[in-house]
Amino acid sequence: MSEEWSKLLETLKTVNHDLITANEVLTAELEIATKALEGQIKVSERYQLQLDEATQEVDGKRAEVVRLREALVQNRDTSYQTYVLMINLKMQGLSLPNDDGTCELKRLGNDAKNAYMD
């Protein structure tokens, strides 16, 4: 029986050694996988930051487009109003500011004021 116990003890030692080795290998593989996953998380976070920056840039461009579109509409309205004003002034024989910076309408207004004051 002693020989059987010796064989059994030797088998148990071998199995124990194999289990320890397998545990060490699995632990090392787990550490490698964990580091790889952490690296992927860092890469993912970096891509997320880049995506956030790009999204903010796109949102800024969208806001700028909306602002420009509103300015264009407002300018178009202003241009139309200016055009109508010019037509009305021309129909009355007047015009918008002259090249020298004077304005017939203002000059006429001053003339009328001066005539009233006299």
C-alpha atoms as a PDB file:
ATOM      1  CA  MET A   1       0.000   0.000   0.000  1.00  0.00           C
ATOM      2  CA  SER A   2       2.774   2.342   0.606  1.00  0.00           C
ATOM      3  CA  GLU A   3       3.759   2.176  -3.064  1.00  0.00           C
ATOM      4  CA  GLU A   4       0.198   3.059  -4.091  1.00  0.00           C
ATOM      5  CA  TRP A   5       0.205   5.949  -1.683  1.00  0.00           C
ATOM      6  CA  SER A   6       3.516   7.142  -3.082  1.00  0.00           C
ATOM      7  CA  LYS A   7       2.148   7.016  -6.644  1.00  0.00           C
ATOM      8  CA  LEU A   8      -0.998   8.758  -5.535  1.00  0.00           C
ATOM      9  CA  LEU A   9       1.036  11.418  -3.736  1.00  0.00           C
ATOM     10  CA  GLU A  10       3.250  11.873  -6.809  1.00  0.00           C
ATOM     11  CA  THR A  11       0.149  12.170  -9.020  1.00  0.00           C
ATOM     12  CA  LEU A  12      -1.342  14.739  -6.652  1.00  0.00           C
ATOM     13  CA  LYS A  13       1.902  16.752  -6.702  1.00  0.00           C
ATOM     14  CA  THR A  14       1.928  16.679 -10.523  1.00  0.00           C
ATOM     15  CA  VAL A  15      -1.738  17.692 -10.718  1.00  0.00           C
ATOM     16  CA  ASN A  16      -1.143  20.438  -8.155  1.00  0.00           C
ATOM     17  CA  HIS A  17       1.864  21.715 -10.130  1.00  0.00           C
ATOM     18  CA  ASP A  18      -0.147  21.626 -13.373  1.00  0.00           C
ATOM     19  CA  LEU A  19      -3.003  23.524 -11.693  1.00  0.00           C
ATOM     20  CA  ILE A  20      -0.611  26.160 -10.348  1.00  0.00           C
ATOM     21  CA  THR A  21       0.969  26.543 -13.804  1.00  0.00           C
ATOM     22  CA  ALA A  22      -2.458  26.761 -15.469  1.00  0.00           C
ATOM     23  CA  ASN A  23      -3.544  29.346 -12.885  1.00  0.00           C
ATOM     24  CA  GLU A  24      -0.413  31.427 -13.553  1.00  0.00           C
ATOM     25  CA  VAL A  25      -0.970  31.213 -17.316  1.00  0.00           C
ATOM     26  CA  LEU A  26      -4.630  32.194 -16.965  1.00  0.00           C
ATOM     27  CA  THR A  27      -3.717  35.064 -14.636  1.00  0.00           C
ATOM     28  CA  ALA A  28      -1.141  36.336 -17.127  1.00  0.00           C
ATOM     29  CA  GLU A  29      -3.653  36.037 -19.993  1.00  0.00           C
ATOM     30  CA  LEU A  30      -6.255  37.837 -17.887  1.00  0.00           C
ATOM     31  CA  GLU A  31      -3.796  40.666 -17.187  1.00  0.00           C
ATOM     32  CA  ILE A  32      -2.981  40.941 -20.905  1.00  0.00           C
ATOM     33  CA  ALA A  33      -6.685  40.952 -21.800  1.00  0.00           C
ATOM     34  CA  THR A  34      -7.375  43.540 -19.084  1.00  0.00           C
ATOM     35  CA  LYS A  35      -4.608  45.817 -20.374  1.00  0.00           C
ATOM     36  CA  ALA A  36      -5.866  45.393 -23.931  1.00  0.00           C
ATOM     37  CA  LEU A  37      -9.387  46.224 -22.802  1.00  0.00           C
ATOM     38  CA  GLU A  38      -8.139  49.275 -20.897  1.00  0.00           C
ATOM     39  CA  GLY A  39      -6.259  50.318 -24.038  1.00  0.00           C
ATOM     40  CA  GLN A  40      -9.410  49.898 -26.103  1.00  0.00           C
ATOM     41  CA  ILE A  41     -11.327  51.924 -23.537  1.00  0.00           C
ATOM     42  CA  LYS A  42      -8.716  54.693 -23.772  1.00  0.00           C
ATOM     43  CA  VAL A  43      -8.881  54.577 -27.571  1.00  0.00           C
ATOM     44  CA  SER A  44     -12.665  54.583 -27.353  1.00  0.00           C
ATOM     45  CA  GLU A  45     -12.575  57.567 -24.986  1.00  0.00           C
ATOM     46  CA  ARG A  46     -10.198  59.386 -27.336  1.00  0.00           C
ATOM     47  CA  TYR A  47     -12.501  58.676 -30.283  1.00  0.00           C
ATOM     48  CA  GLN A  48     -15.453  59.805 -28.182  1.00  0.00           C
ATOM     49  CA  LEU A  49     -13.677  63.084 -27.430  1.00  0.00           C
ATOM     50  CA  GLN A  50     -12.906  63.527 -31.128  1.00  0.00           C
ATOM     51  CA  LEU A  51     -16.520  62.727 -31.951  1.00  0.00           C
ATOM     52  CA  ASP A  52     -17.722  65.230 -29.336  1.00  0.00           C
ATOM     53  CA  GLU A  53     -15.401  67.900 -30.746  1.00  0.00           C
ATOM     54  CA  ALA A  54     -16.578  67.171 -34.288  1.00  0.00           C
ATOM     55  CA  THR A  55     -20.198  67.263 -33.135  1.00  0.00           C
ATOM     56  CA  GLN A  56     -19.631  70.630 -31.450  1.00  0.00           C
ATOM     57  CA  GLU A  57     -17.961  71.915 -34.609  1.00  0.00           C
ATOM     58  CA  VAL A  58     -20.873  70.690 -36.733  1.00  0.00           C
ATOM     59  CA  ASP A  59     -23.357  72.230 -34.290  1.00  0.00           C
ATOM     60  CA  GLY A  60     -21.416  75.494 -34.493  1.00  0.00           C
ATOM     61  CA  LYS A  61     -21.504  75.352 -38.291  1.00  0.00           C
ATOM     62  CA  ARG A  62     -25.236  74.638 -38.184  1.00  0.00           C
ATOM     63  CA  ALA A  63     -25.785  77.605 -35.879  1.00  0.00           C
ATOM     64  CA  GLU A  64     -23.674  79.759 -38.198  1.00  0.00           C
ATOM     65  CA  VAL A  65     -25.700  78.594 -41.206  1.00  0.00           C
ATOM     66  CA  VAL A  66     -28.934  79.411 -39.375  1.00  0.00           C
ATOM     67  CA  ARG A  67     -27.555  82.824 -38.393  1.00  0.00           C
ATOM     68  CA  LEU A  68     -26.406  83.510 -41.958  1.00  0.00           C
ATOM     69  CA  ARG A  69     -29.731  82.339 -43.342  1.00  0.00           C
ATOM     70  CA  GLU A  70     -31.581  84.671 -40.957  1.00  0.00           C
ATOM     71  CA  ALA A  71     -29.225  87.520 -41.874  1.00  0.00           C
ATOM     72  CA  LEU A  72     -29.807  86.804 -45.550  1.00  0.00           C
ATOM     73  CA  VAL A  73     -33.570  86.879 -45.077  1.00  0.00           C
ATOM     74  CA  GLN A  74     -33.297  90.049 -42.997  1.00  0.00           C
ATOM     75  CA  ASN A  75     -30.943  91.609 -45.552  1.00  0.00           C
ATOM     76  CA  ARG A  76     -33.291  90.620 -48.352  1.00  0.00           C
ATOM     77  CA  ASP A  77     -36.144  92.261 -46.451  1.00  0.00           C
ATOM     78  CA  THR A  78     -34.002  95.331 -45.774  1.00  0.00           C
ATOM     79  CA  SER A  79     -32.901  95.464 -49.402  1.00  0.00           C
ATOM     80  CA  TYR A  80     -36.511  95.225 -50.516  1.00  0.00           C
ATOM     81  CA  GLN A  81     -37.521  97.950 -48.070  1.00  0.00           C
ATOM     82  CA  THR A  82     -34.631 100.121 -49.280  1.00  0.00           C
ATOM     83  CA  TYR A  83     -35.688  99.505 -52.870  1.00  0.00           C
ATOM     84  CA  VAL A  84     -39.278 100.524 -52.071  1.00  0.00           C
ATOM     85  CA  LEU A  85     -37.992 103.604 -50.211  1.00  0.00           C
ATOM     86  CA  MET A  86     -35.816 104.560 -53.183  1.00  0.00           C
ATOM     87  CA  ILE A  87     -38.787 104.234 -55.546  1.00  0.00           C
ATOM     88  CA  ASN A  88     -40.951 106.362 -53.241  1.00  0.00           C
ATOM     89  CA  LEU A  89     -38.228 108.994 -52.908  1.00  0.00           C
ATOM     90  CA  LYS A  90     -37.607 109.070 -56.663  1.00  0.00           C
ATOM     91  CA  MET A  91     -41.342 109.445 -57.274  1.00  0.00           C
ATOM     92  CA  GLN A  92     -41.146 112.515 -55.036  1.00  0.00           C
ATOM     93  CA  GLY A  93     -38.043 113.747 -56.864  1.00  0.00           C
ATOM     94  CA  LEU A  94     -35.730 112.902 -53.952  1.00  0.00           C
ATOM     95  CA  SER A  95     -32.971 110.330 -53.446  1.00  0.00           C
ATOM     96  CA  LEU A  96     -30.912 108.543 -50.822  1.00  0.00           C
ATOM     97  CA  PRO A  97     -27.539 109.963 -49.681  1.00  0.00           C
ATOM     98  CA  ASN A  98     -25.477 111.578 -52.429  1.00  0.00           C
ATOM     99  CA  ASP A  99     -21.869 110.753 -53.194  1.00  0.00           C
ATOM    100  CA  ASP A 100     -20.664 113.697 -51.129  1.00  0.00           C
ATOM    101  CA  GLY A 101     -22.451 112.338 -48.049  1.00  0.00           C
ATOM    102  CA  THR A 102     -25.312 114.817 -48.102  1.00  0.00           C
ATOM    103  CA  CYS A 103     -28.870 113.689 -48.347  1.00  0.00           C
ATOM    104  CA  GLU A 104     -31.449 115.577 -50.353  1.00  0.00           C
ATOM    105  CA  LEU A 105     -34.153 114.521 -47.956  1.00  0.00           C
ATOM    106  CA  LYS A 106     -32.203 115.882 -44.991  1.00  0.00           C
ATOM    107  CA  ARG A 107     -31.323 119.044 -46.920  1.00  0.00           C
ATOM    108  CA  LEU A 108     -34.967 119.546 -47.802  1.00  0.00           C
ATOM    109  CA  GLY A 109     -35.907 118.912 -44.181  1.00  0.00           C
ATOM    110  CA  ASN A 110     -33.402 121.532 -43.060  1.00  0.00           C
ATOM    111  CA  ASP A 111     -34.692 123.948 -45.709  1.00  0.00           C
ATOM    112  CA  ALA A 112     -38.224 123.418 -44.443  1.00  0.00           C
ATOM    113  CA  LYS A 113     -37.077 123.924 -40.849  1.00  0.00           C
ATOM    114  CA  ASN A 114     -35.191 127.065 -41.786  1.00  0.00           C
ATOM    115  CA  ALA A 115     -38.200 128.370 -43.694  1.00  0.00           C
ATOM    116  CA  TYR A 116     -40.394 127.700 -40.641  1.00  0.00           C
ATOM    117  CA  MET A 117     -37.935 129.469 -38.337  1.00  0.00           C
ATOM    118  CA  ASP A 118     -37.764 132.551 -40.586  1.00  0.00           C
END
